[in-house]
Amino acid sequence: MYSSWRISILALTLVLGTVSVSAHRVIGRRYPTLATALVQSPNAVTSDLPIPLWDTGLSVVCVKVTNTSTVSGRITAIGLELPGPMGGFGLVAPVNAGVTLVENVSQVPDFAGVTLDVVALIPGGLAPSTTPTRFCFSGPFDPAVPIETVLNGVFIAFQGDASLGNATDIGVWERRP
């Protein structure tokens, strides 16, 4: 009986020890209970990797973004802060939605010293919903680094509507140091 109890504890420890982040909850810096989003890799598992584009040095990273805000604010941009300076990004999806990319954005409100390597500006924004919107970027992503790890540097811009005084906020992964 004592042996089976020890085996059960060991098994539980192994299972809990292998649990990893499979989605990133993003919260606003100024309004953490109002401005929220969920950002995750396509399958929301840590084994999702960037897809290398043959012989280019580029890879494709896709992410799903869901505006989980409890108010009528919209997500107006999604940005990534990656290790080291990077450039040469492209938007793969969505197409024909008016989304534009900007690189090397250094004026991030409330985040002195942060430079976002790539930012997708979303015209009209993403309203609160239970349905995610997929964004795919091509760029110099390391194909060996899981997408969930890339998302540790995610930034989300929120814009409130008139009922919220058109307040703005920048959200980051809730575990960001």
Protein backbone atom coordinates (compact mmCIF):
# COMPACT_ATOMS: atom_id res chain seq x y z
CA MET A 1 0.00 0.00 0.00
CA TYR A 2 2.80 2.40 0.93
CA SER A 3 4.58 1.65 -2.37
CA SER A 4 1.52 2.38 -4.51
CA TRP A 5 1.04 5.68 -2.66
CA ARG A 6 4.65 6.68 -3.43
CA ILE A 7 4.21 5.66 -7.07
CA SER A 8 1.04 7.78 -7.32
CA ILE A 9 2.83 10.82 -5.89
CA LEU A 10 5.75 10.28 -8.28
CA ALA A 11 3.39 9.99 -11.25
CA LEU A 12 1.53 13.16 -10.24
CA THR A 13 4.83 15.00 -9.85
CA LEU A 14 5.94 13.92 -13.32
CA VAL A 15 2.64 15.02 -14.89
CA LEU A 16 2.65 18.40 -13.15
CA GLY A 17 6.32 18.89 -13.96
CA THR A 18 5.63 18.57 -17.68
CA VAL A 19 2.71 21.01 -17.77
CA SER A 20 3.70 24.02 -19.82
CA VAL A 21 2.19 27.22 -21.15
CA SER A 22 -0.16 26.55 -24.04
CA ALA A 23 -1.67 30.02 -24.34
CA HIS A 24 -0.79 33.52 -23.23
CA ARG A 25 -3.30 35.54 -21.24
CA VAL A 26 -2.63 39.20 -21.99
CA ILE A 27 -3.74 41.88 -19.56
CA GLY A 28 -3.72 45.65 -19.90
CA ARG A 29 -1.15 47.52 -17.84
CA ARG A 30 -3.58 50.31 -16.86
CA TYR A 31 -6.86 48.35 -16.90
CA PRO A 32 -5.93 44.71 -16.15
CA THR A 33 -9.50 43.62 -15.42
CA LEU A 34 -11.03 45.31 -18.48
CA ALA A 35 -8.45 44.95 -21.29
CA THR A 36 -7.73 41.24 -21.77
CA ALA A 37 -6.88 38.91 -24.61
CA LEU A 38 -5.79 35.35 -25.28
CA VAL A 39 -2.91 34.78 -27.71
CA GLN A 40 -1.81 31.30 -28.67
CA SER A 41 -0.08 29.21 -31.29
CA PRO A 42 -2.25 27.43 -33.89
CA ASN A 43 -2.74 24.28 -31.83
CA ALA A 44 -2.08 25.89 -28.42
CA VAL A 45 0.70 23.45 -27.63
CA THR A 46 4.36 24.05 -26.94
CA SER A 47 5.37 21.83 -29.85
CA ASP A 48 4.03 24.29 -32.47
CA LEU A 49 7.12 25.51 -34.30
CA PRO A 50 7.67 28.17 -36.95
CA ILE A 51 7.47 26.73 -40.47
CA PRO A 52 10.73 27.31 -42.37
CA LEU A 53 10.49 28.67 -45.90
CA TRP A 54 12.91 26.64 -47.97
CA ASP A 55 16.29 28.22 -48.59
CA THR A 56 15.31 31.74 -47.47
CA GLY A 57 16.34 31.96 -43.80
CA LEU A 58 12.75 32.93 -43.08
CA SER A 59 9.99 31.08 -41.24
CA VAL A 60 6.25 31.56 -40.79
CA VAL A 61 4.70 32.03 -37.36
CA CYS A 62 0.92 31.93 -36.98
CA VAL A 63 -0.91 33.02 -33.85
CA LYS A 64 -4.54 33.14 -32.81
CA VAL A 65 -5.75 36.29 -31.04
CA THR A 66 -9.01 36.48 -29.10
CA ASN A 67 -10.27 39.69 -27.51
CA THR A 68 -11.56 38.46 -24.13
CA SER A 69 -12.23 41.96 -22.77
CA THR A 70 -15.39 42.31 -20.72
CA VAL A 71 -16.07 45.74 -22.19
CA SER A 72 -16.53 47.01 -25.72
CA GLY A 73 -12.87 47.88 -26.30
CA ARG A 74 -11.08 46.69 -29.41
CA ILE A 75 -7.66 45.24 -30.10
CA THR A 76 -6.01 47.63 -32.54
CA ALA A 77 -2.53 46.08 -32.80
CA ILE A 78 -0.47 43.03 -31.94
CA GLY A 79 3.28 43.31 -31.59
CA LEU A 80 6.23 41.04 -30.84
CA GLU A 81 9.38 41.87 -28.93
CA LEU A 82 11.94 39.27 -30.02
CA PRO A 83 15.46 38.60 -28.76
CA GLY A 84 17.96 40.75 -30.64
CA PRO A 85 17.19 43.20 -33.42
CA MET A 86 15.26 41.65 -36.30
CA GLY A 87 13.72 42.88 -39.51
CA GLY A 88 12.36 41.73 -42.83
CA PHE A 89 8.87 40.68 -41.70
CA GLY A 90 5.88 40.12 -43.94
CA LEU A 91 2.18 39.52 -43.38
CA VAL A 92 0.98 36.15 -44.67
CA ALA A 93 -2.55 36.26 -43.20
CA PRO A 94 -5.07 37.74 -43.01
CA VAL A 95 -5.05 38.96 -46.59
CA ASN A 96 -7.27 41.74 -47.94
CA ALA A 97 -8.16 42.87 -44.40
CA GLY A 98 -6.20 46.12 -44.45
CA VAL A 99 -3.76 44.92 -41.76
CA THR A 100 -0.39 46.62 -42.11
CA LEU A 101 2.98 45.81 -40.57
CA VAL A 102 5.39 48.21 -38.93
CA GLU A 103 8.90 47.23 -37.82
CA ASN A 104 11.11 48.49 -35.00
CA VAL A 105 8.47 50.34 -32.96
CA SER A 106 10.26 51.95 -30.02
CA GLN A 107 7.62 54.31 -28.63
CA VAL A 108 5.57 51.83 -26.58
CA PRO A 109 3.54 53.69 -23.92
CA ASP A 110 4.43 52.63 -20.34
CA PHE A 111 7.32 50.43 -21.58
CA ALA A 112 10.45 52.56 -21.71
CA GLY A 113 13.32 50.86 -23.53
CA VAL A 114 11.12 48.31 -25.32
CA THR A 115 11.37 48.01 -29.10
CA LEU A 116 8.82 45.82 -30.85
CA ASP A 117 10.36 44.03 -33.81
CA VAL A 118 7.06 43.75 -35.68
CA VAL A 119 3.59 45.20 -35.11
CA ALA A 120 0.40 44.38 -37.02
CA LEU A 121 -1.96 47.38 -37.11
CA ILE A 122 -5.57 46.21 -37.29
CA PRO A 123 -7.99 48.67 -38.91
CA GLY A 124 -11.29 48.77 -37.04
CA GLY A 125 -9.80 46.49 -34.39
CA LEU A 126 -10.95 43.16 -33.03
CA ALA A 127 -14.10 43.34 -30.92
CA PRO A 128 -14.58 41.09 -27.88
CA SER A 129 -15.43 37.61 -29.10
CA THR A 130 -15.03 33.93 -28.35
CA THR A 131 -13.72 33.33 -31.87
CA PRO A 132 -10.00 33.87 -32.44
CA THR A 133 -8.53 35.73 -35.40
CA ARG A 134 -5.46 34.19 -37.03
CA PHE A 135 -2.39 36.23 -37.92
CA CYS A 136 0.58 34.74 -39.79
CA PHE A 137 3.92 36.50 -40.14
CA SER A 138 6.98 35.59 -42.18
CA GLY A 139 10.33 36.68 -40.86
CA PRO A 140 13.66 35.62 -39.39
CA PHE A 141 12.04 33.44 -36.71
CA ASP A 142 14.21 30.61 -35.40
CA PRO A 143 12.46 27.42 -36.59
CA ALA A 144 13.68 25.58 -33.47
CA VAL A 145 12.01 27.99 -31.00
CA PRO A 146 8.37 27.09 -30.21
CA ILE A 147 5.76 29.71 -31.09
CA GLU A 148 4.56 29.75 -27.48
CA THR A 149 8.09 30.89 -26.51
CA VAL A 150 7.99 33.61 -29.18
CA LEU A 151 4.73 34.80 -27.61
CA ASN A 152 6.45 35.56 -24.30
CA GLY A 153 7.20 38.93 -25.94
CA VAL A 154 3.65 39.67 -27.15
CA PHE A 155 2.14 43.16 -26.81
CA ILE A 156 -1.51 44.04 -27.52
CA ALA A 157 -2.90 47.56 -28.04
CA PHE A 158 -6.43 48.13 -26.75
CA GLN A 159 -8.73 51.04 -27.62
CA GLY A 160 -11.88 51.71 -25.62
CA ASP A 161 -14.99 53.12 -27.22
CA ALA A 162 -16.77 56.36 -26.29
CA SER A 163 -18.46 54.72 -23.28
CA LEU A 164 -14.95 54.14 -21.88
CA GLY A 165 -13.77 57.64 -22.69
CA ASN A 166 -11.76 56.26 -25.63
CA ALA A 167 -9.16 55.03 -23.11
CA THR A 168 -6.14 53.19 -24.47
CA ASP A 169 -4.03 50.48 -22.90
CA ILE A 170 -1.10 48.25 -23.76
CA GLY A 171 -1.40 44.65 -22.65
CA VAL A 172 1.37 42.12 -22.12
CA TRP A 173 1.57 38.49 -21.11
CA GLU A 174 0.47 38.29 -17.47
CA ARG A 175 3.72 36.49 -16.54
CA ARG A 176 5.99 39.10 -18.13
CA PRO A 177 8.64 40.10 -15.60
